[in-house]
Amino acid sequence: MTSSFQATDESTEQSATSEAFLACIREEAEIIQAEFDNVTPMIAQARALLWLDTLARLHEAGLDEAIKANDPQQASAWTRDLALFEVVISLIRNIQPMDLGDDAAAGFASATPGLAAADADEAVSIN
């Protein structure tokens, strides 16, 4: 009985998280559209990748300088930050375009079964 209750709580929480994420994406798309007439989510993604790539290259240069200066503490910090940039770049590269129309919630639910709303009776597994 307890596990069924936990699955329902997890399902409700995931549904709320999914809706909050979708609302955030819609809000950001509206802001971008209001400020820049011709910017699409794909253009915004490309711009983000350019900025992140530039920041990663700056961190690589900082890491090289720290290694040349024989400063292990700075080298460690640059390496840690560089690793985070690489993870974020990888995530952003894998983002697929999303339809933000009225049926976006249904599309989001089918595209991300682990994060979308699930039946209250079924356990949810995030892939």
Protein backbone atom coordinates (compact mmCIF):
# COMPACT_ATOMS: atom_id res chain seq x y z
CA MET A 1 0.00 0.00 0.00
CA THR A 2 2.83 2.37 0.82
CA SER A 3 4.62 1.75 -2.47
CA SER A 4 1.46 2.59 -4.43
CA PHE A 5 1.18 5.83 -2.47
CA GLN A 6 4.84 6.64 -3.18
CA ALA A 7 4.39 5.95 -6.90
CA THR A 8 1.40 8.30 -6.92
CA ASP A 9 3.40 11.00 -5.15
CA GLU A 10 6.29 10.57 -7.58
CA SER A 11 3.92 10.66 -10.54
CA THR A 12 2.26 13.82 -9.26
CA GLU A 13 5.62 15.43 -8.56
CA GLN A 14 6.94 14.52 -12.00
CA SER A 15 3.80 15.85 -13.62
CA ALA A 16 4.16 19.14 -11.75
CA THR A 17 7.85 19.34 -12.67
CA SER A 18 7.02 18.63 -16.30
CA GLU A 19 4.38 21.38 -16.36
CA ALA A 20 6.69 23.86 -14.62
CA PHE A 21 9.47 23.12 -17.11
CA LEU A 22 7.13 23.53 -20.06
CA ALA A 23 5.83 26.84 -18.66
CA CYS A 24 9.41 28.06 -18.25
CA ILE A 25 10.26 27.12 -21.84
CA ARG A 26 7.14 28.92 -23.12
CA GLU A 27 7.98 32.02 -21.08
CA GLU A 28 11.56 32.11 -22.36
CA ALA A 29 10.36 31.64 -25.95
CA GLU A 30 7.92 34.55 -25.55
CA ILE A 31 10.65 36.80 -24.11
CA ILE A 32 13.02 35.95 -26.95
CA GLN A 33 10.26 36.47 -29.52
CA ALA A 34 9.28 39.84 -28.01
CA GLU A 35 12.83 41.17 -27.95
CA PHE A 36 14.10 39.69 -31.19
CA ASP A 37 11.66 39.25 -34.05
CA ASN A 38 13.67 36.73 -36.04
CA VAL A 39 15.21 34.61 -33.28
CA THR A 40 14.02 31.03 -33.14
CA PRO A 41 14.84 28.50 -30.42
CA MET A 42 17.38 26.94 -32.80
CA ILE A 43 19.14 30.30 -33.25
CA ALA A 44 19.14 30.80 -29.48
CA GLN A 45 20.63 27.31 -29.09
CA ALA A 46 23.35 28.11 -31.64
CA ARG A 47 24.18 31.38 -29.88
CA ALA A 48 24.36 29.63 -26.53
CA LEU A 49 26.72 27.04 -28.01
CA LEU A 50 28.96 29.78 -29.42
CA TRP A 51 29.18 31.54 -26.03
CA LEU A 52 29.80 28.29 -24.18
CA ASP A 53 32.45 27.21 -26.66
CA THR A 54 34.20 30.56 -26.25
CA LEU A 55 34.10 30.24 -22.46
CA ALA A 56 35.44 26.67 -22.69
CA ARG A 57 38.34 27.85 -24.86
CA LEU A 58 39.13 30.61 -22.34
CA HIS A 59 39.15 28.01 -19.60
CA GLU A 60 41.48 25.81 -21.65
CA ALA A 61 43.84 28.78 -21.97
CA GLY A 62 43.61 29.40 -18.22
CA LEU A 63 44.35 25.74 -17.57
CA ASP A 64 47.40 25.88 -19.86
CA GLU A 65 48.68 28.97 -18.03
CA ALA A 66 48.16 27.33 -14.63
CA ILE A 67 50.06 24.25 -15.79
CA LYS A 68 52.92 26.40 -17.12
CA ALA A 69 53.01 28.31 -13.81
CA ASN A 70 53.09 24.95 -11.97
CA ASP A 71 50.04 25.94 -9.90
CA PRO A 72 48.12 22.74 -9.14
CA GLN A 73 45.35 24.52 -7.24
CA GLN A 74 44.54 26.83 -10.16
CA ALA A 75 44.90 23.97 -12.65
CA SER A 76 42.41 21.93 -10.65
CA ALA A 77 39.93 24.82 -10.56
CA TRP A 78 40.24 25.45 -14.33
CA THR A 79 39.86 21.72 -15.01
CA ARG A 80 36.73 21.45 -12.85
CA ASP A 81 35.12 24.45 -14.55
CA LEU A 82 36.12 23.21 -17.99
CA ALA A 83 34.52 19.84 -17.28
CA LEU A 84 31.27 21.59 -16.33
CA PHE A 85 31.30 23.61 -19.56
CA GLU A 86 31.84 20.43 -21.56
CA VAL A 87 28.86 18.76 -19.86
CA VAL A 88 26.61 21.78 -20.50
CA ILE A 89 27.75 22.02 -24.13
CA SER A 90 26.97 18.34 -24.60
CA LEU A 91 23.50 18.77 -23.09
CA ILE A 92 22.67 21.81 -25.21
CA ARG A 93 23.87 20.10 -28.38
CA ASN A 94 21.40 17.28 -27.73
CA ILE A 95 18.35 19.51 -27.28
CA GLN A 96 15.78 18.87 -29.97
CA PRO A 97 13.38 21.56 -31.22
CA MET A 98 10.09 21.70 -29.36
CA ASP A 99 6.66 22.75 -30.56
CA LEU A 100 5.42 25.33 -28.06
CA GLY A 101 1.84 25.31 -29.31
CA ASP A 102 -1.24 24.27 -27.34
CA ASP A 103 -0.51 20.58 -27.73
CA ALA A 104 3.09 20.96 -26.52
CA ALA A 105 2.32 19.21 -23.25
CA ALA A 106 1.20 16.10 -25.11
CA GLY A 107 4.30 16.23 -27.30
CA PHE A 108 6.51 16.74 -24.27
CA ALA A 109 4.85 13.81 -22.51
CA SER A 110 5.45 11.46 -25.42
CA ALA A 111 9.02 12.68 -26.00
CA THR A 112 10.10 12.31 -22.37
CA PRO A 113 8.22 9.43 -20.75
CA GLY A 114 10.42 9.48 -17.66
CA LEU A 115 9.71 13.12 -16.88
CA ALA A 116 6.16 13.49 -18.12
CA ALA A 117 2.95 12.71 -16.30
CA ALA A 118 2.40 8.99 -15.84
CA ASP A 119 -0.48 6.85 -14.68
CA ALA A 120 -0.85 7.08 -10.93
CA ASP A 121 -0.93 3.27 -10.68
CA GLU A 122 2.32 2.68 -12.56
CA ALA A 123 5.86 3.20 -11.35
CA VAL A 124 7.84 5.73 -13.36
CA SER A 125 11.38 5.09 -14.51
CA ILE A 126 13.55 7.91 -15.78
CA ASN A 127 15.65 6.83 -18.73
